[in-house]
Protein backbone atom coordinates (compact mmCIF):
# COMPACT_ATOMS: atom_id res chain seq x y z
CA MET A 1 18.40 -27.92 -0.77
CA THR A 2 15.32 -26.17 0.56
CA GLU A 3 12.93 -24.36 -1.74
CA GLU A 4 13.29 -20.58 -1.67
CA LYS A 5 10.51 -18.79 0.19
CA VAL A 6 8.62 -15.72 -0.95
CA ILE A 7 7.24 -12.97 1.28
CA LEU A 8 3.45 -13.02 1.41
CA VAL A 9 1.97 -9.52 1.59
CA ASN A 10 -1.38 -7.78 1.77
CA GLU A 11 -2.40 -5.12 -0.77
CA GLN A 12 -0.56 -2.46 1.30
CA ASP A 13 2.69 -4.44 0.90
CA GLU A 14 2.74 -5.39 4.58
CA PRO A 15 4.37 -8.81 5.17
CA ILE A 16 1.95 -11.45 6.45
CA GLY A 17 4.09 -14.60 6.22
CA LEU A 18 6.44 -16.74 4.15
CA MET A 19 5.67 -19.56 1.74
CA GLU A 20 7.71 -21.77 -0.55
CA LYS A 21 7.89 -20.17 -3.99
CA LEU A 22 6.31 -23.03 -5.92
CA GLU A 23 3.46 -23.37 -3.42
CA ALA A 24 2.74 -19.62 -3.65
CA HIS A 25 2.51 -19.93 -7.44
CA GLU A 26 0.33 -23.04 -7.20
CA LYS A 27 -2.07 -21.33 -4.76
CA ALA A 28 -1.95 -17.87 -6.46
CA VAL A 29 -1.14 -16.16 -3.15
CA LEU A 30 -0.17 -12.47 -3.27
CA HIS A 31 3.57 -12.10 -2.67
CA ARG A 32 6.31 -9.50 -3.03
CA ALA A 33 8.40 -9.40 -6.20
CA PHE A 34 10.57 -6.99 -8.18
CA SER A 35 11.40 -6.18 -11.79
CA VAL A 36 14.61 -4.39 -12.81
CA PHE A 37 14.95 -2.38 -16.01
CA ILE A 38 18.48 -1.42 -17.09
CA LEU A 39 18.94 1.32 -19.68
CA ASN A 40 22.03 2.48 -21.53
CA ASP A 41 23.03 6.02 -22.52
CA LYS A 42 21.12 5.59 -25.82
CA ASN A 43 17.94 5.08 -23.72
CA GLU A 44 17.71 1.45 -24.84
CA VAL A 45 16.40 -1.23 -22.48
CA MET A 46 18.46 -4.36 -21.77
CA LEU A 47 16.12 -7.31 -22.31
CA GLN A 48 16.76 -10.89 -21.30
CA GLN A 49 15.36 -14.07 -22.79
CA ARG A 50 14.48 -16.47 -20.00
CA ALA A 51 16.37 -19.78 -19.96
CA HIS A 52 14.77 -22.68 -21.83
CA HIS A 53 14.40 -24.81 -18.67
CA LYS A 54 12.54 -22.21 -16.51
CA TYR A 55 9.41 -23.69 -14.90
CA HIS A 56 7.27 -20.92 -16.39
CA SER A 57 7.68 -18.52 -19.32
CA PRO A 58 10.75 -20.29 -20.79
CA LEU A 59 12.42 -18.57 -23.77
CA LEU A 60 10.19 -15.50 -23.47
CA TRP A 61 11.72 -12.03 -23.57
CA THR A 62 11.37 -9.82 -20.52
CA ASN A 63 12.94 -6.98 -18.55
CA THR A 64 16.60 -7.14 -17.47
CA CYS A 65 15.91 -9.26 -14.39
CA CYS A 66 13.18 -10.06 -11.91
CA SER A 67 12.69 -12.24 -8.88
CA HIS A 68 11.49 -12.23 -5.28
CA GLN A 69 12.86 -10.44 -2.25
CA ARG A 70 14.20 -12.56 0.57
CA GLU A 71 13.17 -12.02 4.16
CA GLY A 72 15.08 -9.00 5.54
CA GLU A 73 16.14 -7.66 2.12
CA THR A 74 15.14 -4.23 0.86
CA ASN A 75 13.77 -4.02 -2.67
CA THR A 76 16.97 -2.49 -4.05
CA GLU A 77 19.17 -5.00 -2.18
CA ALA A 78 17.16 -7.81 -3.76
CA GLY A 79 17.34 -6.21 -7.20
CA THR A 80 21.09 -5.70 -6.91
CA ARG A 81 21.61 -9.33 -5.78
CA ARG A 82 19.55 -10.77 -8.61
CA LEU A 83 21.06 -8.49 -11.26
CA GLN A 84 24.49 -9.88 -10.30
CA GLU A 85 23.21 -13.49 -10.20
CA GLU A 86 21.43 -13.35 -13.58
CA MET A 87 23.31 -10.73 -15.64
CA GLY A 88 26.75 -10.63 -13.97
CA PHE A 89 26.93 -6.94 -13.06
CA THR A 90 25.71 -4.43 -10.51
CA THR A 91 24.68 -0.81 -10.80
CA GLU A 92 22.77 1.64 -8.62
CA LEU A 93 19.02 0.99 -8.70
CA LYS A 94 16.15 3.37 -8.04
CA GLU A 95 12.62 2.23 -7.27
CA LEU A 96 10.02 3.86 -9.53
CA PHE A 97 6.64 2.40 -8.59
CA HIS A 98 4.85 -0.80 -7.63
CA PHE A 99 1.63 -2.47 -8.72
CA ILE A 100 -0.32 -5.69 -8.22
CA TYR A 101 -1.06 -8.16 -10.98
CA LYS A 102 -2.40 -11.69 -11.29
CA ALA A 103 -1.65 -13.86 -14.31
CA PRO A 104 -2.34 -17.60 -14.76
CA PHE A 105 0.05 -19.73 -16.84
CA ASP A 106 -0.65 -22.73 -19.06
CA ASN A 107 1.12 -25.04 -16.60
CA GLY A 108 -1.39 -24.40 -13.80
CA LEU A 109 0.77 -21.91 -11.90
CA THR A 110 -0.31 -18.31 -11.27
CA GLU A 111 1.75 -15.20 -10.65
CA HIS A 112 0.00 -12.97 -8.11
CA GLU A 113 2.55 -10.35 -7.25
CA LEU A 114 3.01 -6.95 -5.71
CA ASP A 115 5.80 -6.01 -8.08
CA HIS A 116 8.34 -3.27 -7.28
CA VAL A 117 9.74 -1.80 -10.51
CA MET A 118 13.30 -0.44 -10.42
CA ILE A 119 15.56 1.29 -12.93
CA GLY A 120 19.33 1.47 -13.33
CA TYR A 121 21.90 2.42 -15.97
CA PHE A 122 24.70 0.38 -17.54
CA ASN A 123 26.56 0.68 -20.85
CA GLN A 124 28.51 -2.56 -21.13
CA GLU A 125 27.76 -6.14 -22.05
CA PRO A 126 26.42 -8.38 -19.27
CA LYS A 127 28.02 -11.69 -18.34
CA ILE A 128 24.85 -13.77 -18.37
CA ASN A 129 24.26 -16.78 -16.14
CA THR A 130 23.07 -19.43 -18.61
CA ASP A 131 21.22 -21.26 -15.81
CA GLU A 132 18.90 -18.24 -15.71
CA VAL A 133 19.24 -16.43 -19.04
CA GLU A 134 19.18 -17.81 -22.59
CA ASN A 135 20.10 -14.57 -24.38
CA TRP A 136 20.02 -10.77 -24.08
CA LYS A 137 19.77 -7.66 -26.27
CA TRP A 138 19.36 -3.89 -26.20
CA MET A 139 16.11 -2.51 -27.66
CA SER A 140 14.77 1.02 -27.94
CA ILE A 141 11.57 1.86 -26.11
CA GLU A 142 9.76 2.50 -29.40
CA ALA A 143 10.96 -0.81 -30.88
CA ILE A 144 9.71 -2.68 -27.79
CA LYS A 145 6.31 -0.97 -27.97
CA ASP A 146 6.01 -1.87 -31.67
CA ASP A 147 7.22 -5.44 -31.13
CA ILE A 148 4.75 -6.07 -28.30
CA GLN A 149 1.97 -4.96 -30.68
CA THR A 150 3.04 -7.35 -33.45
CA GLN A 151 4.37 -10.37 -31.51
CA SER A 152 3.11 -10.15 -27.98
CA GLU A 153 3.44 -13.94 -27.53
CA ILE A 154 7.27 -13.71 -27.30
CA TYR A 155 7.14 -11.54 -24.14
CA THR A 156 6.39 -12.44 -20.52
CA VAL A 157 3.00 -11.45 -19.21
CA TRP A 158 4.42 -9.19 -16.47
CA PHE A 159 6.71 -7.41 -18.92
CA LYS A 160 3.75 -6.52 -21.15
CA ILE A 161 1.78 -5.26 -18.14
CA ILE A 162 4.72 -3.24 -16.77
CA PHE A 163 5.94 -1.89 -20.08
CA ASP A 164 2.75 -0.03 -20.85
CA GLU A 165 3.15 1.76 -17.51
CA PHE A 166 6.93 1.86 -17.45
CA TYR A 167 7.79 3.62 -20.68
CA HIS A 168 6.16 6.82 -19.35
CA TYR A 169 8.63 6.73 -16.45
CA LEU A 170 11.54 6.31 -18.86
CA GLU A 171 10.94 9.75 -20.30
CA GLU A 172 11.30 11.26 -16.82
CA HIS A 173 14.52 9.34 -16.07
CA LYS A 174 16.70 9.87 -19.12
CA LEU A 175 20.43 10.33 -18.51
């Protein structure tokens, strides 16, 4: 099986090539990614705990799902695909914003991503893929903000970066 490739981009999100995912993380090359946040009608966010065997950030809590677009996929197509693969459901997604971040990990890998943040709504239980997801839960925006302040080490680095920006958007997108 061949390693999945990521789309290398410049700071304007223009594609400049493809690279194997692990190599891009080893070399800290800027690439396209996405993060999906699912909310329910109580305005709670569906969080996932990353599977224990993930090559980075295992067992950390994060947004509903995230990954990398494939060549030829739109951001929302990629988000919809990965939401089904990881959480076992689909729902309409809307892109809110994007930003660039760079974060080194203890294992020598570095995330350097132009991350497209999307939102969707769902009120049922997911059917998690245990190859990808260890656990899941609903949490209110306020509870997440408080929890990040008191135990930031249990959350992924990108989630903490996004959440500070993202919760302002939540107030504009309530059901």
